[in-house]
Amino acid sequence: MSTDFYGIFSRLPQEDLLFWERFQKLLAEHLSPIIDNHWNRGTFPHSFIKPLGHFVQEELGAEALVFPPKNPLKWRLMKLELGRVDPSMASFFAVHMGLTMGSISLFGSPEQKALWLPSMLGFEKIGSWALTEPFSGSDVASGLQTEAIQTDDGWLINGHKKWAGNASMADVIVVWAKEPKSKRMLGFLIEPNMNGVDIEKINDKIAKRAMENVNISLNNVLVKEDHRLPNVNHFRDINVQLKAGRIAVAWEALGIAMGAYEAALAYTKSRHQFGRPIASFQLIQDKLVTMLEEVTCMQALLVGLAETERTVDLSSAQASLAKRACARRSRKVCQLAREVLGGNGILLEHGIARLFADIEAVYSYEGTDEINTLIVGRAITGSSSFL
């Protein structure tokens, strides 16, 4: 692989490298040929769901029903490769498996797990996860406005959610709400066809266009007690998911950077100006080397982190630093890759424009750059800068 300049990935177990190769073949056959068209039209590639589900069932099986996974490296490599090929599908995958299935696995009752997880494993049922709200994003731990009030018949839920991935095609949505009296944070399994649930797709995005994000309105949605996730009561309970999500997004950012660098390098070798390949020009080489440098730093960081994860439970601050470092570097790589292509860099056909746009979403979600900075700052100084 031209992007692995130091052979860093050779340090990974052979079993995981072979798994990665098989996943690359799946994406090359079922996703790469169609994704530009779907991204351009803002449509989801539904034909990709079945082969992806089959792969997860065959390759991961029952281990994918347990969160956090015993071998997170396989999940990391899937996120990397999805980022390299199409970040929209990296988000679809993460919302369905890491967030929705992860919540049910961590916090669900045995009956809830039996009802949902087996069919979700093969993507026969699709999951969504709704935490962020129109007026509560980075401060959602304290600013959650969706409320759940217990009644004789169950729970009455009212509120609004924003950016919920997959909800327009989901069979179940994990909705997070606050109980006003106790201030507990509760999770509920909401089905889109329930009375009072209104889902509106967000259109006109400039990033992650093949991913379906929505606004959700919850108006007096009545659910029975058996729809509440019984083993979660506080925001800190879901930190294990947010921590895993930030590490996964760091791998996605690496994949995006690798894809952008690979496309830029190939283009500069085939593009001729002034009678020579532009790859032979000093200023172009400077940009290519800078891109490779950033990619290599990310590879070294994340492979080292993966080795640490085998024996150590990483902290939230460690996850935040990985996300911050990789999102920043990936953004820089995508910028340089687009520059190298000149005007052609804004055309989908050359493999960079989509990544250039999508990294902007990656830079902001799973903790903004500023929030992750403050999390790490608090860890190293012992002083919190959060208001």
Protein backbone atom coordinates (compact mmCIF):
# COMPACT_ATOMS: atom_id res chain seq x y z
CA MET A 1 0.00 0.00 0.00
CA SER A 2 1.60 3.27 -1.14
CA THR A 3 0.27 5.13 1.89
CA ASP A 4 2.01 2.85 4.42
CA PHE A 5 5.48 4.32 3.95
CA TYR A 6 7.02 2.72 7.04
CA GLY A 7 5.10 -0.56 6.91
CA ILE A 8 3.28 0.40 10.10
CA PHE A 9 0.29 -1.82 9.40
CA SER A 10 2.58 -4.87 9.23
CA ARG A 11 2.66 -4.72 13.03
CA LEU A 12 -1.00 -5.73 13.13
CA PRO A 13 -2.00 -9.39 13.55
CA GLN A 14 -2.12 -11.30 10.27
CA GLU A 15 -5.67 -12.42 10.97
CA ASP A 16 -6.82 -8.81 11.14
CA LEU A 17 -4.92 -7.84 7.99
CA LEU A 18 -6.60 -10.66 6.05
CA PHE A 19 -9.96 -9.54 7.45
CA TRP A 20 -9.19 -6.03 6.18
CA GLU A 21 -8.38 -7.35 2.72
CA ARG A 22 -11.70 -9.17 2.52
CA PHE A 23 -13.53 -6.01 3.55
CA GLN A 24 -11.66 -4.02 0.91
CA LYS A 25 -12.87 -6.47 -1.73
CA LEU A 26 -16.46 -6.11 -0.52
CA LEU A 27 -16.35 -2.33 -0.85
CA ALA A 28 -14.57 -2.47 -4.20
CA GLU A 29 -17.37 -4.64 -5.57
CA HIS A 30 -20.48 -3.20 -3.94
CA LEU A 31 -19.77 0.41 -2.95
CA SER A 32 -16.98 2.08 -4.94
CA PRO A 33 -18.70 1.80 -8.35
CA ILE A 34 -21.94 3.47 -7.19
CA ILE A 35 -21.13 5.91 -4.42
CA ASP A 36 -20.28 9.04 -6.45
CA ASN A 37 -23.69 8.93 -8.11
CA HIS A 38 -25.51 8.48 -4.81
CA TRP A 39 -23.50 11.20 -3.07
CA ASN A 40 -24.14 13.62 -5.92
CA ARG A 41 -27.90 12.99 -5.82
CA GLY A 42 -28.08 12.88 -2.03
CA THR A 43 -29.48 9.35 -1.99
CA PHE A 44 -28.66 6.32 0.12
CA PRO A 45 -27.17 3.25 -1.66
CA HIS A 46 -29.68 0.69 -0.42
CA SER A 47 -28.12 -2.06 -2.55
CA PHE A 48 -25.10 -1.94 -0.23
CA ILE A 49 -27.02 -3.02 2.88
CA LYS A 50 -27.45 -6.70 2.03
CA PRO A 51 -23.80 -7.48 1.18
CA LEU A 52 -22.62 -5.48 4.18
CA GLY A 53 -24.97 -7.38 6.48
CA HIS A 54 -23.85 -10.71 5.04
CA PHE A 55 -20.20 -9.77 5.59
CA VAL A 56 -20.79 -8.79 9.22
CA GLN A 57 -22.72 -12.00 9.92
CA GLU A 58 -20.09 -14.20 8.29
CA GLU A 59 -16.99 -12.44 9.56
CA LEU A 60 -17.99 -11.18 13.01
CA GLY A 61 -20.97 -13.30 13.99
CA ALA A 62 -21.98 -13.34 17.64
CA GLU A 63 -19.02 -11.20 18.71
CA ALA A 64 -20.72 -8.25 17.02
CA LEU A 65 -23.59 -8.55 19.51
CA VAL A 66 -21.34 -7.57 22.41
CA PHE A 67 -20.30 -3.97 23.09
CA PRO A 68 -17.58 -2.92 23.56
CA PRO A 69 -16.19 -5.54 21.15
CA LYS A 70 -13.54 -7.93 22.42
CA ASN A 71 -11.42 -7.23 19.35
CA PRO A 72 -11.99 -3.56 18.51
CA LEU A 73 -9.27 -3.59 15.84
CA LYS A 74 -11.54 -5.25 13.28
CA TRP A 75 -14.09 -2.50 13.80
CA ARG A 76 -11.36 0.14 13.52
CA LEU A 77 -10.18 -1.28 10.20
CA MET A 78 -13.73 -1.30 8.87
CA LYS A 79 -14.11 2.36 9.82
CA LEU A 80 -10.79 3.19 8.17
CA GLU A 81 -11.75 1.48 4.94
CA LEU A 82 -15.24 2.96 4.88
CA GLY A 83 -13.67 6.37 5.41
CA ARG A 84 -11.28 5.78 2.53
CA VAL A 85 -14.05 4.65 0.16
CA ASP A 86 -17.06 6.61 1.44
CA PRO A 87 -17.44 8.43 4.77
CA SER A 88 -21.24 8.53 4.45
CA MET A 89 -21.33 4.77 4.83
CA ALA A 90 -18.84 4.97 7.68
CA SER A 91 -21.47 7.01 9.55
CA PHE A 92 -24.31 4.67 8.56
CA PHE A 93 -22.30 1.72 9.88
CA ALA A 94 -21.30 3.47 13.11
CA VAL A 95 -24.82 4.67 13.95
CA HIS A 96 -26.36 1.26 13.31
CA MET A 97 -23.76 -0.93 15.01
CA GLY A 98 -21.73 1.16 17.42
CA LEU A 99 -24.47 3.44 18.72
CA THR A 100 -27.82 1.68 18.31
CA MET A 101 -26.76 -1.93 18.73
CA GLY A 102 -24.18 -0.79 21.26
CA SER A 103 -26.86 0.90 23.40
CA ILE A 104 -29.11 -2.15 23.31
CA SER A 105 -26.17 -4.44 24.13
CA LEU A 106 -24.95 -2.25 27.02
CA PHE A 107 -28.20 -1.05 28.52
CA GLY A 108 -30.98 -3.28 27.23
CA SER A 109 -32.91 -6.01 28.99
CA PRO A 110 -32.48 -9.63 27.89
CA GLU A 111 -35.86 -9.37 26.15
CA GLN A 112 -34.84 -6.20 24.27
CA LYS A 113 -31.58 -7.77 23.18
CA ALA A 114 -33.35 -10.89 21.94
CA LEU A 115 -35.95 -8.81 20.08
CA TRP A 116 -33.58 -6.52 18.21
CA LEU A 117 -29.95 -7.61 18.07
CA PRO A 118 -30.16 -10.82 16.00
CA SER A 119 -32.02 -9.13 13.13
CA MET A 120 -29.83 -6.03 13.35
CA LEU A 121 -26.66 -8.11 13.04
CA GLY A 122 -27.37 -8.81 9.39
CA PHE A 123 -28.86 -5.35 8.80
CA GLU A 124 -32.33 -6.84 8.29
CA LYS A 125 -33.46 -4.28 10.86
CA ILE A 126 -31.83 -0.84 10.85
CA GLY A 127 -31.06 1.26 13.91
CA SER A 128 -30.84 4.97 14.61
CA TRP A 129 -29.60 6.95 17.62
CA ALA A 130 -30.93 10.34 18.69
CA LEU A 131 -29.08 12.44 21.25
CA THR A 132 -28.30 15.83 19.67
CA GLU A 133 -31.07 18.44 19.64
CA PRO A 134 -31.71 21.65 17.68
CA PHE A 135 -30.53 23.78 20.61
CA SER A 136 -28.32 21.29 22.44
CA GLY A 137 -25.18 19.85 20.90
CA SER A 138 -21.86 20.14 22.73
CA ASP A 139 -23.72 20.89 26.00
CA VAL A 140 -26.11 17.97 25.69
CA ALA A 141 -24.93 16.44 28.98
CA SER A 142 -26.50 19.33 30.88
CA GLY A 143 -28.71 20.92 28.26
CA LEU A 144 -30.87 18.00 27.13
CA GLN A 145 -34.40 19.31 26.57
CA THR A 146 -36.32 16.22 25.44
CA GLU A 147 -38.34 15.06 28.43
CA ALA A 148 -39.78 11.73 29.52
CA ILE A 149 -42.51 11.78 32.17
CA GLN A 150 -43.69 8.56 33.77
CA THR A 151 -47.44 7.93 33.74
CA ASP A 152 -49.71 5.08 34.74
CA ASP A 153 -49.51 3.81 31.16
CA GLY A 154 -45.73 4.08 30.70
CA TRP A 155 -43.68 7.08 29.60
CA LEU A 156 -44.77 10.22 27.77
CA ILE A 157 -41.97 11.67 25.64
CA ASN A 158 -41.82 15.17 24.18
CA GLY A 159 -38.99 16.96 22.43
CA HIS A 160 -36.97 17.39 19.26
CA LYS A 161 -33.85 15.71 17.90
CA LYS A 162 -31.50 16.81 15.14
CA TRP A 163 -29.00 15.00 12.87
CA ALA A 164 -30.22 11.54 13.86
CA GLY A 165 -28.61 9.20 11.35
CA ASN A 166 -30.59 6.44 9.61
CA ALA A 167 -33.89 7.39 11.28
CA SER A 168 -35.73 7.84 7.97
CA MET A 169 -35.05 4.18 7.18
CA ALA A 170 -34.85 2.77 10.70
CA ASP A 171 -36.88 0.12 12.46
CA VAL A 172 -35.83 1.35 15.91
CA ILE A 173 -34.45 4.63 17.25
CA VAL A 174 -32.63 4.96 20.55
CA VAL A 175 -33.94 8.27 21.91
CA TRP A 176 -32.32 9.96 24.89
CA ALA A 177 -34.48 12.04 27.21
CA LYS A 178 -34.36 13.64 30.65
CA GLU A 179 -36.75 12.82 33.46
CA PRO A 180 -37.55 16.28 34.92
CA LYS A 181 -38.02 15.26 38.56
CA SER A 182 -34.99 13.05 39.06
CA LYS A 183 -32.85 14.65 36.33
CA ARG A 184 -32.02 11.14 35.19
CA MET A 185 -30.97 10.62 31.58
CA LEU A 186 -33.02 7.78 30.12
CA GLY A 187 -32.91 5.84 26.88
CA PHE A 188 -35.97 4.60 25.00
CA LEU A 189 -36.50 2.29 22.03
CA ILE A 190 -38.79 4.27 19.76
CA GLU A 191 -40.27 2.85 16.58
CA PRO A 192 -40.82 5.38 13.77
CA ASN A 193 -44.44 4.36 13.20
CA MET A 194 -45.49 5.19 16.76
CA ASN A 195 -48.10 7.91 17.23
CA GLY A 196 -46.51 11.32 17.69
CA VAL A 197 -43.23 10.54 15.94
CA ASP A 198 -42.51 12.81 12.98
CA ILE A 199 -39.33 12.38 10.92
CA GLU A 200 -38.10 14.91 8.37
CA LYS A 201 -35.03 14.25 6.25
CA ILE A 202 -32.37 16.97 6.24
CA ASN A 203 -31.61 17.96 2.65
CA ASP A 204 -29.05 20.21 0.97
CA LYS A 205 -26.06 19.05 3.03
CA ILE A 206 -22.61 19.73 1.61
CA ALA A 207 -21.10 16.70 3.39
CA LYS A 208 -22.04 13.08 3.99
CA ARG A 209 -24.68 13.42 1.30
CA ALA A 210 -25.30 9.69 0.92
CA MET A 211 -26.04 9.41 4.65
CA GLU A 212 -29.62 10.08 5.73
CA ASN A 213 -29.78 12.54 8.62
CA VAL A 214 -33.09 13.77 9.98
CA ASN A 215 -34.96 16.02 12.36
CA ILE A 216 -37.28 14.16 14.74
CA SER A 217 -40.27 15.64 16.53
CA LEU A 218 -41.68 13.71 19.49
CA ASN A 219 -45.14 14.91 20.43
CA ASN A 220 -46.74 13.06 23.36
CA VAL A 221 -45.18 9.77 22.29
CA LEU A 222 -46.45 7.16 24.74
CA VAL A 223 -44.29 4.07 25.25
CA LYS A 224 -44.56 1.24 27.72
CA GLU A 225 -41.95 0.55 30.37
CA ASP A 226 -40.55 -2.32 28.32
CA HIS A 227 -39.38 0.25 25.74
CA ARG A 228 -37.08 1.91 28.27
CA LEU A 229 -33.45 0.77 28.40
CA PRO A 230 -33.29 -0.33 32.05
CA ASN A 231 -29.56 -0.12 32.69
CA VAL A 232 -28.82 3.54 32.02
CA ASN A 233 -29.58 6.52 34.24
CA HIS A 234 -26.86 9.11 33.68
CA PHE A 235 -24.99 10.75 30.83
CA ARG A 236 -21.77 9.22 32.13
CA ASP A 237 -23.23 5.78 31.41
CA ILE A 238 -23.04 6.41 27.66
CA ASN A 239 -19.49 7.75 27.86
CA VAL A 240 -18.21 4.30 26.95
CA GLN A 241 -19.98 4.69 23.60
CA LEU A 242 -18.81 8.25 23.05
CA LYS A 243 -15.24 7.25 23.87
CA ALA A 244 -15.34 4.34 21.43
CA GLY A 245 -16.97 6.61 18.86
CA ARG A 246 -14.17 9.16 19.04
CA ILE A 247 -11.52 6.51 18.54
CA ALA A 248 -13.51 5.08 15.61
CA VAL A 249 -13.83 8.53 14.04
CA ALA A 250 -10.07 8.98 14.32
CA TRP A 251 -9.70 5.83 12.22
CA GLU A 252 -12.29 7.16 9.77
CA ALA A 253 -10.31 10.39 9.47
CA LEU A 254 -7.20 8.35 8.71
CA GLY A 255 -9.08 6.46 6.00
CA ILE A 256 -10.26 9.72 4.44
CA ALA A 257 -6.72 11.08 4.43
CA MET A 258 -5.36 7.88 2.88
CA GLY A 259 -8.00 7.99 0.16
CA ALA A 260 -7.29 11.64 -0.62
CA TYR A 261 -3.53 11.12 -0.73
CA GLU A 262 -3.82 8.05 -2.94
CA ALA A 263 -6.07 9.88 -5.40
CA ALA A 264 -3.80 12.94 -5.46
CA LEU A 265 -0.66 10.86 -6.01
CA ALA A 266 -2.23 8.92 -8.89
CA TYR A 267 -3.49 12.12 -10.49
CA THR A 268 -0.13 13.87 -10.37
CA LYS A 269 1.53 10.94 -12.11
CA SER A 270 -0.98 10.96 -14.97
CA ARG A 271 -1.56 14.71 -15.33
CA HIS A 272 0.87 16.43 -17.72
CA GLN A 273 1.58 20.16 -17.88
CA PHE A 274 4.44 21.87 -19.70
CA GLY A 275 5.27 18.52 -21.26
CA ARG A 276 5.91 16.73 -17.95
CA PRO A 277 3.90 14.88 -15.26
CA ILE A 278 3.06 17.39 -12.55
CA ALA A 279 4.41 14.87 -10.03
CA SER A 280 7.88 15.93 -11.20
CA PHE A 281 7.38 19.54 -10.08
CA GLN A 282 9.00 20.57 -6.80
CA LEU A 283 5.98 22.37 -5.37
CA ILE A 284 3.71 19.41 -6.11
CA GLN A 285 6.18 17.04 -4.49
CA ASP A 286 6.25 19.27 -1.42
CA LYS A 287 2.47 18.94 -1.07
CA LEU A 288 2.58 15.18 -1.64
CA VAL A 289 5.29 14.69 0.97
CA THR A 290 3.40 16.84 3.46
CA MET A 291 0.29 14.73 2.90
CA LEU A 292 2.24 11.51 3.37
CA GLU A 293 3.82 12.90 6.53
CA GLU A 294 0.43 13.63 8.05
CA VAL A 295 -0.96 10.24 7.03
CA THR A 296 2.07 8.47 8.50
CA CYS A 297 1.72 10.32 11.80
CA MET A 298 -1.91 9.24 12.01
CA GLN A 299 -1.03 5.63 11.19
CA ALA A 300 1.64 5.52 13.88
CA LEU A 301 -0.69 7.07 16.45
CA LEU A 302 -3.63 4.78 15.79
CA VAL A 303 -1.72 1.52 15.40
CA GLY A 304 0.07 2.33 18.66
CA LEU A 305 -3.28 3.10 20.25
CA ALA A 306 -4.68 -0.21 18.98
CA GLU A 307 -1.78 -2.05 20.60
CA THR A 308 -2.42 -0.21 23.87
CA GLU A 309 -6.14 -1.04 23.71
CA ARG A 310 -5.36 -4.75 23.96
CA THR A 311 -4.40 -4.39 27.62
CA VAL A 312 -5.50 -0.91 28.76
CA ASP A 313 -8.92 0.72 28.98
CA LEU A 314 -8.32 4.07 27.32
CA SER A 315 -9.59 7.23 28.99
CA SER A 316 -12.00 9.73 27.48
CA ALA A 317 -9.16 12.22 27.20
CA GLN A 318 -7.02 9.75 25.28
CA ALA A 319 -9.89 9.14 22.87
CA SER A 320 -10.44 12.89 22.49
CA LEU A 321 -6.78 13.52 21.68
CA ALA A 322 -6.85 10.82 18.98
CA LYS A 323 -9.97 12.29 17.39
CA ARG A 324 -8.60 15.85 17.55
CA ALA A 325 -5.21 14.93 16.12
CA CYS A 326 -6.52 12.82 13.27
CA ALA A 327 -9.41 15.09 12.26
CA ARG A 328 -7.04 18.06 12.07
CA ARG A 329 -4.48 16.19 10.02
CA SER A 330 -7.03 14.62 7.71
CA ARG A 331 -8.56 18.02 7.02
CA LYS A 332 -5.12 19.34 6.06
CA VAL A 333 -4.46 16.36 3.77
CA CYS A 334 -7.78 16.80 1.98
CA GLN A 335 -7.08 20.50 1.48
CA LEU A 336 -3.68 19.79 -0.05
CA ALA A 337 -5.06 16.97 -2.19
CA ARG A 338 -7.68 19.29 -3.65
CA GLU A 339 -5.02 21.94 -4.29
CA VAL A 340 -2.84 19.47 -6.18
CA LEU A 341 -5.66 18.79 -8.63
CA GLY A 342 -6.32 22.46 -9.29
CA GLY A 343 -9.75 23.04 -10.81
CA ASN A 344 -10.26 19.30 -11.26
CA GLY A 345 -10.16 18.95 -7.49
CA ILE A 346 -13.77 20.06 -7.20
CA LEU A 347 -15.04 17.35 -9.57
CA LEU A 348 -16.33 14.07 -8.14
CA GLU A 349 -14.75 11.97 -10.89
CA HIS A 350 -11.23 12.42 -9.52
CA GLY A 351 -11.93 10.93 -6.09
CA ILE A 352 -11.08 13.88 -3.84
CA ALA A 353 -14.00 16.33 -3.88
CA ARG A 354 -16.29 13.99 -1.92
CA LEU A 355 -13.63 13.36 0.73
CA PHE A 356 -12.78 17.07 0.83
CA ALA A 357 -16.42 17.85 1.66
CA ASP A 358 -17.00 14.94 4.02
CA ILE A 359 -14.02 15.66 6.26
CA GLU A 360 -15.80 18.86 7.32
CA ALA A 361 -18.52 16.78 8.97
CA VAL A 362 -15.96 14.45 10.53
CA TYR A 363 -14.07 17.43 11.94
CA SER A 364 -17.20 18.53 13.82
CA TYR A 365 -18.97 15.41 15.04
CA GLU A 366 -18.08 13.08 17.91
CA GLY A 367 -16.91 16.15 19.77
CA THR A 368 -15.90 19.37 18.06
CA ASP A 369 -12.24 20.29 17.93
CA GLU A 370 -12.83 22.76 20.74
CA ILE A 371 -14.65 20.30 23.01
CA ASN A 372 -12.02 17.61 22.56
CA THR A 373 -9.33 20.20 23.27
CA LEU A 374 -10.97 21.11 26.57
CA ILE A 375 -11.39 17.45 27.56
CA VAL A 376 -7.67 16.83 27.07
CA GLY A 377 -6.80 20.15 28.70
CA ARG A 378 -8.78 19.21 31.80
CA ALA A 379 -7.00 15.85 31.98
CA ILE A 380 -3.47 17.26 31.81
CA THR A 381 -3.97 20.34 34.03
CA GLY A 382 -6.59 19.17 36.49
CA SER A 383 -8.56 22.34 35.79
CA SER A 384 -11.81 22.39 33.87
CA SER A 385 -12.45 25.17 31.37
CA PHE A 386 -16.04 24.09 30.74
CA LEU A 387 -18.54 26.72 31.83
